[in-house]
Amino acid sequence: MTTIPLILDFKGRELKGTAIPLEETITDGVPTAYAINLGEEYIGVIHCHPGGWKMDTYQDPEMVDAIGGFLHNWSE
């Protein structure tokens, strides 16, 4: 899989970065985890769980939901 360009409108700011699918998490052709960079900064790995999206290091739930929503829409 290729790197996904990440562009979010979050709290009135445009954030740009990348989401890199983690190959070992691909199920039925869809990754369930991505390495996330915003700008040039690595902020962690986001995982899709039955209860929603979670990140291993970044803990702002609104930001995690925004990134997860973007990735969900991208994969459809």
N, C-alpha and C. Protein backbone atom coordinates (compact mmCIF):
# COMPACT_ATOMS: atom_id res chain seq x y z
N MET A 1 0.85 -1.19 0.00
CA MET A 1 0.00 0.00 0.00
C MET A 1 0.89 1.25 0.00
N THR A 2 0.32 2.32 -0.46
CA THR A 2 1.08 3.56 -0.57
C THR A 2 0.72 4.52 0.56
N THR A 3 1.55 5.51 0.74
CA THR A 3 1.32 6.54 1.74
C THR A 3 0.09 7.36 1.35
N ILE A 4 -0.73 7.65 2.32
CA ILE A 4 -1.96 8.42 2.11
C ILE A 4 -1.70 9.87 2.52
N PRO A 5 -1.97 10.82 1.62
CA PRO A 5 -1.86 12.22 2.02
C PRO A 5 -2.99 12.56 2.99
N LEU A 6 -2.63 13.11 4.12
CA LEU A 6 -3.59 13.41 5.18
C LEU A 6 -3.81 14.92 5.21
N ILE A 7 -5.05 15.34 4.96
CA ILE A 7 -5.39 16.76 5.00
C ILE A 7 -6.67 16.90 5.82
N LEU A 8 -6.57 17.59 6.95
CA LEU A 8 -7.70 17.72 7.86
C LEU A 8 -8.00 19.17 8.16
N ASP A 9 -9.28 19.48 8.32
CA ASP A 9 -9.67 20.76 8.90
C ASP A 9 -9.99 20.45 10.35
N PHE A 10 -9.15 20.92 11.26
CA PHE A 10 -9.31 20.61 12.67
C PHE A 10 -9.32 21.90 13.48
N LYS A 11 -10.47 22.18 14.06
CA LYS A 11 -10.65 23.39 14.88
C LYS A 11 -10.24 24.65 14.12
N GLY A 12 -10.67 24.70 12.83
CA GLY A 12 -10.41 25.88 12.03
C GLY A 12 -9.02 25.97 11.42
N ARG A 13 -8.20 24.94 11.61
CA ARG A 13 -6.85 24.92 11.04
C ARG A 13 -6.75 23.78 10.05
N GLU A 14 -6.04 24.04 8.95
CA GLU A 14 -5.77 22.96 8.01
C GLU A 14 -4.48 22.27 8.44
N LEU A 15 -4.59 20.98 8.67
CA LEU A 15 -3.42 20.18 9.05
C LEU A 15 -3.09 19.25 7.90
N LYS A 16 -1.81 19.14 7.59
CA LYS A 16 -1.36 18.25 6.52
C LYS A 16 -0.33 17.29 7.07
N GLY A 17 -0.35 16.10 6.52
CA GLY A 17 0.62 15.10 6.92
C GLY A 17 0.47 13.86 6.07
N THR A 18 0.87 12.73 6.62
CA THR A 18 0.76 11.46 5.92
C THR A 18 0.31 10.37 6.87
N ALA A 19 -0.34 9.38 6.28
CA ALA A 19 -0.72 8.17 7.00
C ALA A 19 -0.11 7.01 6.22
N ILE A 20 0.72 6.24 6.90
CA ILE A 20 1.40 5.12 6.25
C ILE A 20 0.77 3.82 6.75
N PRO A 21 0.06 3.11 5.88
CA PRO A 21 -0.58 1.86 6.31
C PRO A 21 0.46 0.85 6.80
N LEU A 22 0.16 0.19 7.89
CA LEU A 22 1.06 -0.84 8.40
C LEU A 22 0.64 -2.18 7.79
N GLU A 23 1.50 -2.67 6.91
CA GLU A 23 1.18 -3.86 6.11
C GLU A 23 0.72 -5.05 6.95
N GLU A 24 1.31 -5.22 8.13
CA GLU A 24 0.97 -6.39 8.95
C GLU A 24 -0.43 -6.32 9.54
N THR A 25 -1.12 -5.18 9.38
CA THR A 25 -2.47 -5.04 9.93
C THR A 25 -3.56 -5.11 8.87
N ILE A 26 -3.20 -5.44 7.64
CA ILE A 26 -4.18 -5.46 6.55
C ILE A 26 -5.07 -6.69 6.67
N THR A 27 -6.39 -6.44 6.68
CA THR A 27 -7.39 -7.50 6.71
C THR A 27 -8.37 -7.22 5.57
N ASP A 28 -8.56 -8.19 4.72
CA ASP A 28 -9.46 -8.04 3.57
C ASP A 28 -9.11 -6.80 2.74
N GLY A 29 -7.83 -6.53 2.62
CA GLY A 29 -7.35 -5.42 1.80
C GLY A 29 -7.38 -4.06 2.46
N VAL A 30 -7.82 -3.98 3.72
CA VAL A 30 -7.92 -2.69 4.42
C VAL A 30 -7.04 -2.72 5.67
N PRO A 31 -6.13 -1.75 5.81
CA PRO A 31 -5.30 -1.69 7.02
C PRO A 31 -6.14 -1.28 8.23
N THR A 32 -5.76 -1.76 9.38
CA THR A 32 -6.42 -1.34 10.62
C THR A 32 -5.51 -0.46 11.47
N ALA A 33 -4.29 -0.21 10.99
CA ALA A 33 -3.36 0.67 11.71
C ALA A 33 -2.49 1.42 10.72
N TYR A 34 -2.15 2.66 11.11
CA TYR A 34 -1.36 3.55 10.26
C TYR A 34 -0.36 4.32 11.12
N ALA A 35 0.84 4.54 10.60
CA ALA A 35 1.79 5.46 11.22
C ALA A 35 1.42 6.86 10.74
N ILE A 36 1.29 7.80 11.69
CA ILE A 36 0.80 9.15 11.38
C ILE A 36 1.90 10.19 11.56
N ASN A 37 2.05 11.02 10.53
CA ASN A 37 2.93 12.19 10.60
C ASN A 37 2.08 13.42 10.33
N LEU A 38 2.24 14.45 11.14
CA LEU A 38 1.62 15.74 10.86
C LEU A 38 2.75 16.72 10.61
N GLY A 39 2.72 17.36 9.44
CA GLY A 39 3.87 18.14 9.03
C GLY A 39 5.04 17.19 8.89
N GLU A 40 6.12 17.51 9.51
CA GLU A 40 7.30 16.63 9.50
C GLU A 40 7.43 15.83 10.79
N GLU A 41 6.42 15.91 11.66
CA GLU A 41 6.51 15.28 12.98
C GLU A 41 5.73 13.97 13.04
N TYR A 42 6.40 12.90 13.47
CA TYR A 42 5.75 11.62 13.72
C TYR A 42 4.97 11.75 15.03
N ILE A 43 3.66 11.45 15.00
CA ILE A 43 2.88 11.57 16.24
C ILE A 43 2.42 10.23 16.79
N GLY A 44 2.61 9.13 16.04
CA GLY A 44 2.27 7.83 16.58
C GLY A 44 1.54 6.95 15.59
N VAL A 45 1.07 5.80 16.12
CA VAL A 45 0.32 4.84 15.33
C VAL A 45 -1.14 4.88 15.77
N ILE A 46 -2.03 4.99 14.78
CA ILE A 46 -3.47 4.97 15.06
C ILE A 46 -4.00 3.59 14.68
N HIS A 47 -4.87 3.05 15.54
CA HIS A 47 -5.44 1.71 15.35
C HIS A 47 -6.96 1.82 15.34
N CYS A 48 -7.59 1.06 14.47
CA CYS A 48 -9.04 0.96 14.45
C CYS A 48 -9.44 -0.21 15.34
N HIS A 49 -10.23 0.08 16.38
CA HIS A 49 -10.74 -0.93 17.31
C HIS A 49 -12.26 -0.97 17.19
N PRO A 50 -12.90 -2.02 17.68
CA PRO A 50 -14.37 -2.06 17.64
C PRO A 50 -15.03 -0.84 18.31
N GLY A 51 -14.37 -0.27 19.29
CA GLY A 51 -14.93 0.89 19.99
C GLY A 51 -14.51 2.23 19.40
N GLY A 52 -13.78 2.21 18.29
CA GLY A 52 -13.33 3.46 17.67
C GLY A 52 -11.83 3.46 17.43
N TRP A 53 -11.31 4.64 17.14
CA TRP A 53 -9.89 4.80 16.83
C TRP A 53 -9.12 5.15 18.10
N LYS A 54 -7.92 4.59 18.24
CA LYS A 54 -7.04 4.87 19.38
C LYS A 54 -5.62 5.08 18.84
N MET A 55 -4.86 5.92 19.55
CA MET A 55 -3.45 6.13 19.19
C MET A 55 -2.57 5.68 20.34
N ASP A 56 -1.39 5.21 19.98
CA ASP A 56 -0.47 4.71 21.00
C ASP A 56 0.21 5.84 21.78
N THR A 57 0.38 7.00 21.18
CA THR A 57 1.11 8.08 21.88
C THR A 57 0.32 9.37 21.97
N TYR A 58 -0.42 9.74 20.95
CA TYR A 58 -1.11 11.03 20.90
C TYR A 58 -2.47 10.87 21.55
N GLN A 59 -2.79 11.70 22.54
CA GLN A 59 -3.97 11.43 23.35
C GLN A 59 -5.12 12.42 23.22
N ASP A 60 -5.09 13.35 22.27
CA ASP A 60 -6.21 14.27 22.08
C ASP A 60 -7.33 13.50 21.37
N PRO A 61 -8.41 13.14 22.09
CA PRO A 61 -9.45 12.30 21.48
C PRO A 61 -10.13 12.94 20.26
N GLU A 62 -10.27 14.24 20.24
CA GLU A 62 -10.87 14.90 19.08
C GLU A 62 -9.98 14.77 17.85
N MET A 63 -8.69 14.94 18.03
CA MET A 63 -7.75 14.80 16.92
C MET A 63 -7.72 13.35 16.44
N VAL A 64 -7.69 12.40 17.37
CA VAL A 64 -7.68 10.98 17.01
C VAL A 64 -8.94 10.65 16.20
N ASP A 65 -10.11 11.14 16.64
CA ASP A 65 -11.35 10.90 15.91
C ASP A 65 -11.32 11.53 14.52
N ALA A 66 -10.75 12.73 14.42
CA ALA A 66 -10.67 13.41 13.12
C ALA A 66 -9.78 12.63 12.16
N ILE A 67 -8.63 12.17 12.64
CA ILE A 67 -7.73 11.38 11.79
C ILE A 67 -8.40 10.06 11.41
N GLY A 68 -9.00 9.39 12.38
CA GLY A 68 -9.68 8.12 12.13
C GLY A 68 -10.82 8.28 11.12
N GLY A 69 -11.59 9.37 11.25
CA GLY A 69 -12.67 9.62 10.31
C GLY A 69 -12.16 9.82 8.90
N PHE A 70 -11.06 10.57 8.79
CA PHE A 70 -10.45 10.79 7.48
C PHE A 70 -10.03 9.46 6.87
N LEU A 71 -9.36 8.62 7.66
CA LEU A 71 -8.88 7.33 7.15
C LEU A 71 -10.05 6.41 6.78
N HIS A 72 -11.09 6.44 7.58
CA HIS A 72 -12.28 5.62 7.29
C HIS A 72 -12.88 6.03 5.94
N ASN A 73 -13.04 7.33 5.73
CA ASN A 73 -13.60 7.83 4.47
C ASN A 73 -12.67 7.51 3.30
N TRP A 74 -11.37 7.58 3.52
CA TRP A 74 -10.40 7.29 2.47
C TRP A 74 -10.50 5.84 2.01
N SER A 75 -10.75 4.94 2.95
CA SER A 75 -10.73 3.50 2.63
C SER A 75 -12.03 3.03 1.99
N GLU A 76 -13.06 3.85 1.98
CA GLU A 76 -14.34 3.42 1.39
C GLU A 76 -14.39 3.59 -0.10
